[in-house]
Amino acid sequence: MACFFANRAAAALIWPFITVYIREQTGAPLSSITPLLTLQALSSLLGTTFISSLMDRFGRKPVMLAGLAGFSLTLLLMSSATELGQWVLLIPLYGILQPIFFIGSTTMVADLIVPENRTSAFALARTLANIAIALGPAIGGHFIAQNHEIAYFATAAINLSLLLPVTLFIAETLPKAQHGRAKAEQDGYRDILRDGRFMRFIGVFALLEIAAALVFNLLSVYTSENFNIQADAFGQILAVNALMVVFLQYGVTQITRRYRPMPMLAIGSLFYTIGLSGFALARTLPHFMGVMAVMTLGELMVAPTSNALVAEMAPPDKRARYMGLYSLTYTAGTGIGPAAGGLVSDAFGPSAIWFGGAATALLASLGFAALGRQEARRADESQPSLPTAEPQLETTASP
């Protein structure tokens, strides 16, 4: 968790500002830069499937070490990239290498922690990640404002400094029985795609990620253009989300972990539905902050619960691939949600973004409820029936 915290804090110096950095270094118009973000998402999608497979075959630790070194080198190359052609080559590398340590860390948590404690462990990881994301830009922001090359060098330095503690103090968590498995057994996603329970969950969870992506990608533009809430004030809306995660996540998780996952995910999705509807009705900064608080309650219920559920679904020899596919729902949500929101806004008006998102979150809630009923029915059917007493037959003595 200490290494995970440092990695997340370093990452926060780059990913929130990547569009700004590219624009400043190349002088290119925004219309030429946004396709690079699509390229980054596609490379992350393809890279995650490949990297996760390597982690299940060769172990989490060696792939994480290679990712730290490769990502650091990529950052140094990015610091001097001044032409769009250079970014066309570097952005895919960034998209592939940046998530490696995160995927490895979450997989290690699933490996190390017994099932009944995983939800709490993922809640702790999520709390640390949010503190890191808040502190990274806050501490480094002043220096980045003077010269953003510092962000590249600082992030590379932090990642390189993690090589030593990861090498010396973090043991490999891939079960030893999985090492040396035949290549045919280890490679590929065919068996995972045949896991109906997992794929149904991923499909429903992707709906929720699409709805959530609207908030974190379009809300700033919506509040600025329609209600004159500028960037400094909008930061207060995001602060509500971050502070609630930091101070409430662990406590909420101690309550939600007592109940079955699917009903908790369904209820959490309902909070998303209420929150997204609220964004369409809000008009002032306090209103938007209150609505964000409602939506964040859903996030507090959903995030660690879904992480722990995927870890429970995954066989140990395929755990990294399961966690990798789960992480891709965020990529899918980011790719689909904002684009769909833009189309809905143009067709029906700006507030339609949030009503469309609320409908999507409601579909996710209904989906989780249906999956929960299926699992409850399956559990009932698997319970052995109580034996019934055999009727006693009267017997007579033999002649």
Protein backbone atom coordinates (compact mmCIF):
# COMPACT_ATOMS: atom_id res chain seq x y z
CA MET A 1 0.00 0.00 0.00
CA ALA A 2 2.93 2.37 0.64
CA CYS A 3 4.30 1.75 -2.84
CA PHE A 4 0.80 1.97 -4.30
CA PHE A 5 0.30 5.35 -2.61
CA ALA A 6 3.57 6.73 -4.03
CA ASN A 7 2.74 5.47 -7.52
CA ARG A 8 -0.73 7.06 -7.46
CA ALA A 9 0.62 10.39 -6.17
CA ALA A 10 3.19 10.46 -8.98
CA ALA A 11 0.59 9.56 -11.60
CA ALA A 12 -1.55 12.50 -10.46
CA LEU A 13 1.18 14.88 -11.61
CA ILE A 14 0.61 13.75 -15.21
CA TRP A 15 -2.76 12.32 -16.17
CA PRO A 16 -5.05 15.22 -15.11
CA PHE A 17 -2.93 17.66 -17.13
CA ILE A 18 -1.82 15.56 -20.10
CA THR A 19 -3.92 17.55 -22.61
CA VAL A 20 -2.47 20.83 -21.32
CA TYR A 21 1.08 19.50 -21.54
CA ILE A 22 0.65 18.30 -25.13
CA ARG A 23 -0.90 21.61 -26.15
CA GLU A 24 1.89 23.65 -24.57
CA GLN A 25 4.67 21.49 -26.02
CA THR A 26 3.32 21.26 -29.55
CA GLY A 27 1.22 24.40 -29.93
CA ALA A 28 -1.33 22.24 -31.76
CA PRO A 29 -5.06 23.05 -31.67
CA LEU A 30 -7.30 21.06 -29.37
CA SER A 31 -8.98 19.38 -32.35
CA SER A 32 -5.63 17.82 -33.23
CA ILE A 33 -4.89 16.73 -29.67
CA THR A 34 -8.16 14.98 -28.72
CA PRO A 35 -7.60 12.10 -31.20
CA LEU A 36 -4.44 11.32 -29.23
CA LEU A 37 -6.59 10.68 -26.16
CA THR A 38 -8.65 8.20 -28.16
CA LEU A 39 -5.41 6.52 -29.24
CA GLN A 40 -4.34 6.38 -25.60
CA ALA A 41 -7.61 4.70 -24.59
CA LEU A 42 -7.37 2.11 -27.37
CA SER A 43 -3.76 1.28 -26.52
CA SER A 44 -4.69 0.95 -22.84
CA LEU A 45 -7.52 -1.38 -23.79
CA LEU A 46 -5.27 -3.67 -25.83
CA GLY A 47 -2.30 -3.37 -23.49
CA THR A 48 -4.25 -4.27 -20.37
CA THR A 49 -5.46 -7.56 -21.86
CA PHE A 50 -1.89 -8.52 -22.80
CA ILE A 51 -0.24 -7.30 -19.58
CA SER A 52 -2.80 -9.08 -17.39
CA SER A 53 -2.11 -12.33 -19.20
CA LEU A 54 1.64 -11.92 -18.57
CA MET A 55 0.98 -11.36 -14.86
CA ASP A 56 -0.98 -14.59 -14.64
CA ARG A 57 1.78 -16.51 -16.41
CA PHE A 58 5.04 -15.05 -15.08
CA GLY A 59 3.92 -13.38 -11.86
CA ARG A 60 2.77 -9.95 -10.76
CA LYS A 61 6.12 -8.65 -9.52
CA PRO A 62 8.37 -8.95 -12.63
CA VAL A 63 5.74 -7.33 -14.85
CA MET A 64 5.26 -4.50 -12.34
CA LEU A 65 9.02 -3.89 -12.22
CA ALA A 66 9.25 -3.83 -16.01
CA GLY A 67 6.27 -1.45 -16.08
CA LEU A 68 7.91 0.97 -13.63
CA ALA A 69 11.12 1.09 -15.69
CA GLY A 70 9.36 1.33 -19.07
CA PHE A 71 6.92 4.00 -17.88
CA SER A 72 9.77 6.11 -16.46
CA LEU A 73 11.64 5.99 -19.77
CA THR A 74 8.47 6.93 -21.65
CA LEU A 75 7.98 9.95 -19.38
CA LEU A 76 11.50 11.18 -20.11
CA LEU A 77 10.82 10.90 -23.84
CA MET A 78 7.50 12.72 -23.42
CA SER A 79 9.23 15.64 -21.69
CA SER A 80 11.04 16.57 -24.91
CA ALA A 81 8.32 15.70 -27.45
CA THR A 82 7.43 18.89 -29.35
CA GLU A 83 5.76 17.48 -32.47
CA LEU A 84 2.45 15.68 -32.86
CA GLY A 85 4.18 12.87 -34.77
CA GLN A 86 6.27 12.11 -31.70
CA TRP A 87 3.16 11.99 -29.53
CA VAL A 88 1.50 9.56 -31.92
CA LEU A 89 4.27 7.10 -30.97
CA LEU A 90 4.53 8.00 -27.28
CA ILE A 91 0.85 8.15 -26.29
CA PRO A 92 0.25 4.43 -27.00
CA LEU A 93 3.26 3.57 -24.82
CA TYR A 94 1.88 5.81 -22.09
CA GLY A 95 -1.53 4.14 -22.37
CA ILE A 96 -0.02 0.65 -22.09
CA LEU A 97 2.56 1.25 -19.35
CA GLN A 98 0.79 3.71 -17.02
CA PRO A 99 -1.84 1.23 -15.63
CA ILE A 100 0.56 -1.70 -15.05
CA PHE A 101 1.47 -0.95 -11.44
CA PHE A 102 -2.17 -0.21 -10.57
CA ILE A 103 -3.40 -3.53 -12.03
CA GLY A 104 -0.58 -5.44 -10.35
CA SER A 105 -1.29 -3.80 -7.00
CA THR A 106 -5.01 -4.56 -7.04
CA THR A 107 -4.29 -8.13 -8.10
CA MET A 108 -1.80 -8.52 -5.24
CA VAL A 109 -4.43 -7.27 -2.78
CA ALA A 110 -6.78 -9.98 -4.06
CA ASP A 111 -3.97 -12.57 -3.74
CA LEU A 112 -2.94 -11.58 -0.23
CA ILE A 113 -6.23 -10.91 1.53
CA VAL A 114 -8.72 -13.59 2.52
CA PRO A 115 -12.15 -13.18 0.86
CA GLU A 116 -14.01 -11.94 3.93
CA ASN A 117 -11.55 -9.02 4.35
CA ARG A 118 -11.11 -8.02 0.70
CA THR A 119 -13.83 -5.38 0.67
CA SER A 120 -12.14 -3.56 3.57
CA ALA A 121 -8.73 -3.91 1.93
CA PHE A 122 -9.97 -2.41 -1.33
CA ALA A 123 -11.65 0.38 0.65
CA LEU A 124 -8.28 1.18 2.24
CA ALA A 125 -6.58 1.15 -1.16
CA ARG A 126 -9.24 3.43 -2.58
CA THR A 127 -8.87 5.86 0.33
CA LEU A 128 -5.10 6.00 -0.13
CA ALA A 129 -5.48 6.52 -3.89
CA ASN A 130 -7.78 9.50 -3.35
CA ILE A 131 -5.42 11.06 -0.79
CA ALA A 132 -2.56 10.57 -3.26
CA ILE A 133 -4.52 12.11 -6.13
CA ALA A 134 -5.36 15.12 -3.94
CA LEU A 135 -1.84 15.58 -2.55
CA GLY A 136 0.13 15.00 -5.76
CA PRO A 137 -1.03 18.08 -7.69
CA ALA A 138 -1.38 20.13 -4.49
CA ILE A 139 2.27 19.63 -3.51
CA GLY A 140 3.72 19.70 -7.01
CA GLY A 141 1.32 22.23 -8.51
CA HIS A 142 3.45 25.28 -7.71
CA PHE A 143 6.52 23.78 -9.36
CA ILE A 144 4.52 22.48 -12.33
CA ALA A 145 3.13 25.98 -12.89
CA GLN A 146 6.69 27.27 -13.24
CA ASN A 147 7.82 24.52 -15.61
CA HIS A 148 5.71 21.46 -16.36
CA GLU A 149 8.80 19.42 -17.34
CA ILE A 150 9.26 19.02 -13.59
CA ALA A 151 6.14 16.84 -13.55
CA TYR A 152 7.69 14.38 -16.01
CA PHE A 153 10.99 14.19 -14.12
CA ALA A 154 9.36 13.94 -10.69
CA THR A 155 6.99 11.18 -11.80
CA ALA A 156 9.83 9.25 -13.44
CA ALA A 157 12.01 9.66 -10.35
CA ILE A 158 9.29 8.40 -8.00
CA ASN A 159 8.58 5.37 -10.18
CA LEU A 160 12.28 4.53 -10.49
CA SER A 161 12.70 4.89 -6.72
CA LEU A 162 10.01 2.23 -6.26
CA LEU A 163 12.14 -0.37 -8.05
CA LEU A 164 14.25 -1.00 -4.93
CA PRO A 165 11.49 -1.52 -2.33
CA VAL A 166 9.39 -3.57 -4.75
CA THR A 167 12.41 -5.77 -5.48
CA LEU A 168 13.52 -6.20 -1.86
CA PHE A 169 10.38 -6.08 0.25
CA ILE A 170 7.41 -7.23 -1.84
CA ALA A 171 7.12 -10.97 -2.39
CA GLU A 172 5.53 -12.52 -5.45
CA THR A 173 1.88 -13.32 -4.75
CA LEU A 174 1.02 -15.52 -7.72
CA PRO A 175 0.29 -18.93 -6.18
CA LYS A 176 3.32 -21.18 -6.68
CA ALA A 177 1.15 -23.90 -8.13
CA GLN A 178 0.43 -21.63 -11.09
CA HIS A 179 4.09 -21.16 -12.09
CA GLY A 180 5.15 -23.44 -14.91
CA ARG A 181 1.63 -24.08 -16.16
CA ALA A 182 1.40 -25.01 -19.82
CA LYS A 183 1.20 -22.05 -22.18
CA ALA A 184 -2.10 -23.25 -23.55
CA GLU A 185 -3.56 -23.19 -20.05
CA GLN A 186 -2.25 -19.75 -19.16
CA ASP A 187 -2.72 -17.64 -22.27
CA GLY A 188 -5.89 -16.21 -23.69
CA TYR A 189 -9.27 -15.08 -22.45
CA ARG A 190 -11.49 -17.80 -23.89
CA ASP A 191 -12.36 -19.39 -20.55
CA ILE A 192 -12.98 -15.98 -18.99
CA LEU A 193 -15.34 -14.97 -21.78
CA ARG A 194 -17.21 -18.22 -21.14
CA ASP A 195 -17.70 -17.29 -17.48
CA GLY A 196 -21.32 -16.19 -17.79
CA ARG A 197 -21.60 -14.85 -14.24
CA PHE A 198 -18.56 -12.61 -14.65
CA MET A 199 -19.44 -11.38 -18.13
CA ARG A 200 -22.98 -10.50 -17.06
CA PHE A 201 -21.54 -8.54 -14.13
CA ILE A 202 -19.05 -6.73 -16.40
CA GLY A 203 -21.82 -5.80 -18.83
CA VAL A 204 -23.98 -4.28 -16.08
CA PHE A 205 -21.04 -2.58 -14.37
CA ALA A 206 -20.00 -0.97 -17.67
CA LEU A 207 -23.40 0.76 -17.77
CA LEU A 208 -22.66 2.35 -14.41
CA GLU A 209 -19.20 3.44 -15.57
CA ILE A 210 -20.74 5.09 -18.64
CA ALA A 211 -23.06 7.07 -16.36
CA ALA A 212 -20.23 8.03 -13.97
CA ALA A 213 -17.99 9.14 -16.85
CA LEU A 214 -20.51 11.86 -17.73
CA VAL A 215 -19.92 13.53 -14.37
CA PHE A 216 -16.14 13.53 -14.40
CA ASN A 217 -15.80 14.50 -18.06
CA LEU A 218 -18.74 16.82 -18.86
CA LEU A 219 -19.88 18.41 -15.60
CA SER A 220 -17.14 21.09 -15.62
CA VAL A 221 -18.13 22.26 -19.11
CA TYR A 222 -21.85 22.07 -18.26
CA THR A 223 -21.54 24.18 -15.10
CA SER A 224 -19.23 26.71 -16.76
CA GLU A 225 -21.29 27.30 -19.90
CA ASN A 226 -24.74 27.24 -18.31
CA PHE A 227 -24.27 28.58 -14.76
CA ASN A 228 -20.99 30.52 -14.92
CA ILE A 229 -19.33 28.21 -12.37
CA GLN A 230 -15.68 28.56 -13.29
CA ALA A 231 -12.78 26.19 -12.67
CA ASP A 232 -11.87 27.43 -9.19
CA ALA A 233 -15.47 27.05 -7.96
CA PHE A 234 -15.92 23.75 -9.78
CA GLY A 235 -12.99 22.42 -7.78
CA GLN A 236 -15.21 22.67 -4.69
CA ILE A 237 -17.66 20.22 -6.28
CA LEU A 238 -14.86 17.72 -6.88
CA ALA A 239 -13.54 18.34 -3.37
CA VAL A 240 -16.84 17.05 -1.95
CA ASN A 241 -16.26 13.78 -3.77
CA ALA A 242 -12.61 13.46 -2.73
CA LEU A 243 -13.16 14.36 0.93
CA MET A 244 -16.09 11.98 1.30
CA VAL A 245 -14.00 9.13 -0.11
CA VAL A 246 -11.09 9.92 2.18
CA PHE A 247 -13.11 10.27 5.40
CA LEU A 248 -16.13 8.01 4.84
CA GLN A 249 -15.03 5.18 2.57
CA TYR A 250 -13.72 2.84 5.24
CA GLY A 251 -16.67 3.41 7.58
CA VAL A 252 -19.27 2.89 4.86
CA THR A 253 -17.48 -0.27 3.78
CA GLN A 254 -17.70 -1.74 7.29
CA ILE A 255 -21.48 -1.54 6.89
CA THR A 256 -21.86 -2.67 3.29
CA ARG A 257 -19.56 -5.68 3.69
CA ARG A 258 -22.16 -7.29 5.97
CA TYR A 259 -24.55 -7.76 3.07
CA ARG A 260 -24.53 -9.62 -0.23
CA PRO A 261 -22.66 -7.71 -2.97
CA MET A 262 -25.32 -7.54 -5.70
CA PRO A 263 -28.01 -5.83 -3.58
CA MET A 264 -25.40 -3.31 -2.36
CA LEU A 265 -24.39 -2.58 -5.96
CA ALA A 266 -28.05 -2.15 -6.90
CA ILE A 267 -28.63 0.32 -4.04
CA GLY A 268 -25.40 2.17 -4.83
CA SER A 269 -26.49 2.51 -8.46
CA LEU A 270 -29.77 4.05 -7.27
CA PHE A 271 -27.75 6.78 -5.53
CA TYR A 272 -26.01 7.40 -8.85
CA THR A 273 -29.45 7.63 -10.49
CA ILE A 274 -30.66 10.21 -7.95
CA GLY A 275 -27.43 12.17 -8.21
CA LEU A 276 -27.40 12.31 -12.00
CA SER A 277 -31.02 13.44 -12.03
CA GLY A 278 -30.09 16.08 -9.48
CA PHE A 279 -27.41 17.54 -11.76
CA ALA A 280 -30.10 18.22 -14.36
CA LEU A 281 -32.14 20.18 -11.77
CA ALA A 282 -29.32 21.98 -9.94
CA ARG A 283 -28.72 25.68 -10.62
CA THR A 284 -26.24 26.98 -8.02
CA LEU A 285 -22.87 25.88 -6.65
CA PRO A 286 -24.32 24.63 -3.31
CA HIS A 287 -26.91 22.61 -5.22
CA PHE A 288 -24.23 20.94 -7.33
CA MET A 289 -22.15 20.22 -4.22
CA GLY A 290 -25.13 18.61 -2.49
CA VAL A 291 -25.93 16.50 -5.54
CA MET A 292 -22.30 15.38 -5.74
CA ALA A 293 -22.54 14.25 -2.10
CA VAL A 294 -25.56 12.08 -2.96
CA MET A 295 -23.81 10.50 -5.95
CA THR A 296 -20.64 9.93 -3.92
CA LEU A 297 -22.63 7.88 -1.39
CA GLY A 298 -23.34 5.50 -4.27
CA GLU A 299 -19.68 5.50 -5.21
CA LEU A 300 -18.70 4.61 -1.63
CA MET A 301 -21.01 1.60 -1.77
CA VAL A 302 -20.07 0.44 -5.27
CA ALA A 303 -16.30 0.77 -5.65
CA PRO A 304 -14.79 -1.58 -3.00
CA THR A 305 -17.75 -3.96 -3.23
CA SER A 306 -17.23 -4.46 -6.97
CA ASN A 307 -13.46 -4.90 -6.54
CA ALA A 308 -13.93 -7.59 -3.91
CA LEU A 309 -16.63 -9.32 -5.97
CA VAL A 310 -14.37 -9.60 -9.02
CA ALA A 311 -11.57 -10.99 -6.83
CA GLU A 312 -14.01 -13.58 -5.49
CA MET A 313 -15.14 -14.56 -8.98
CA ALA A 314 -11.60 -14.98 -10.32
CA PRO A 315 -9.70 -18.28 -10.15
CA PRO A 316 -6.19 -17.65 -8.75
CA ASP A 317 -4.48 -18.50 -12.05
CA LYS A 318 -6.60 -15.96 -13.95
CA ARG A 319 -6.96 -13.27 -11.31
CA ALA A 320 -4.88 -10.59 -13.07
CA ARG A 321 -6.90 -11.04 -16.25
CA TYR A 322 -10.18 -10.77 -14.37
CA MET A 323 -8.98 -7.61 -12.62
CA GLY A 324 -7.68 -6.27 -15.93
CA LEU A 325 -11.00 -6.77 -17.70
CA TYR A 326 -12.78 -5.20 -14.75
CA SER A 327 -10.52 -2.12 -14.99
CA LEU A 328 -11.38 -1.79 -18.68
CA THR A 329 -14.99 -0.94 -17.79
CA TYR A 330 -13.63 2.47 -16.76
CA THR A 331 -11.94 2.85 -20.16
CA ALA A 332 -15.14 1.82 -21.92
CA GLY A 333 -17.19 4.23 -19.83
CA THR A 334 -14.84 7.10 -20.59
CA GLY A 335 -14.91 6.28 -24.29
CA ILE A 336 -18.68 5.89 -24.61
CA GLY A 337 -20.22 8.15 -21.94
CA PRO A 338 -18.92 11.61 -22.94
CA ALA A 339 -19.43 10.97 -26.65
CA ALA A 340 -23.01 9.80 -26.09
CA GLY A 341 -23.62 12.72 -23.71
CA GLY A 342 -22.47 15.19 -26.35
CA LEU A 343 -24.86 13.73 -28.92
CA VAL A 344 -27.78 13.79 -26.46
CA SER A 345 -26.96 17.39 -25.49
CA ASP A 346 -26.95 18.54 -29.12
CA ALA A 347 -30.23 16.76 -29.84
CA PHE A 348 -32.29 17.54 -26.71
CA GLY A 349 -30.46 20.23 -24.72
CA PRO A 350 -27.71 20.28 -22.07
CA SER A 351 -29.78 18.92 -19.17
CA ALA A 352 -30.61 15.81 -21.23
CA ILE A 353 -27.04 14.62 -20.51
CA TRP A 354 -27.94 13.98 -16.88
CA PHE A 355 -31.35 12.46 -17.50
CA GLY A 356 -29.74 10.08 -19.98
CA GLY A 357 -27.05 9.24 -17.43
CA ALA A 358 -29.69 8.68 -14.74
CA ALA A 359 -31.55 6.28 -17.03
CA THR A 360 -28.30 4.38 -17.67
CA ALA A 361 -27.54 4.15 -13.94
CA LEU A 362 -31.10 2.96 -13.31
CA LEU A 363 -30.60 0.20 -15.89
CA ALA A 364 -27.44 -0.79 -14.02
CA SER A 365 -29.36 -0.89 -10.73
CA LEU A 366 -32.04 -3.11 -12.25
CA GLY A 367 -29.32 -5.30 -13.74
CA PHE A 368 -27.56 -5.77 -10.40
CA ALA A 369 -30.91 -6.54 -8.75
CA ALA A 370 -31.62 -9.18 -11.39
CA LEU A 371 -28.16 -10.71 -10.95
CA GLY A 372 -28.72 -10.75 -7.20
CA ARG A 373 -32.00 -12.62 -7.60
CA GLN A 374 -30.31 -15.15 -9.89
CA GLU A 375 -27.56 -15.78 -7.36
CA ALA A 376 -30.03 -16.07 -4.47
CA ARG A 377 -32.11 -18.56 -6.44
CA ARG A 378 -29.02 -20.54 -7.37
CA ALA A 379 -27.92 -20.61 -3.73
CA ASP A 380 -31.34 -21.88 -2.65
CA GLU A 381 -31.26 -24.61 -5.27
CA SER A 382 -27.81 -25.73 -4.16
CA GLN A 383 -28.92 -26.20 -0.55
CA PRO A 384 -29.44 -29.92 0.22
CA SER A 385 -33.03 -30.75 0.96
CA LEU A 386 -33.82 -32.18 4.40
CA PRO A 387 -34.43 -35.92 4.37
CA THR A 388 -38.00 -37.01 4.99
CA ALA A 389 -38.83 -39.84 7.34
CA GLU A 390 -39.52 -43.18 5.72
CA PRO A 391 -42.95 -44.60 6.56
CA GLN A 392 -42.70 -47.55 8.89
CA LEU A 393 -44.25 -50.75 7.54
CA GLU A 394 -46.00 -53.12 9.88
CA THR A 395 -44.46 -56.53 9.86
CA THR A 396 -45.69 -59.87 11.13
CA ALA A 397 -43.70 -62.72 12.38
CA SER A 398 -42.83 -65.38 9.85
CA PRO A 399 -44.77 -68.58 10.17
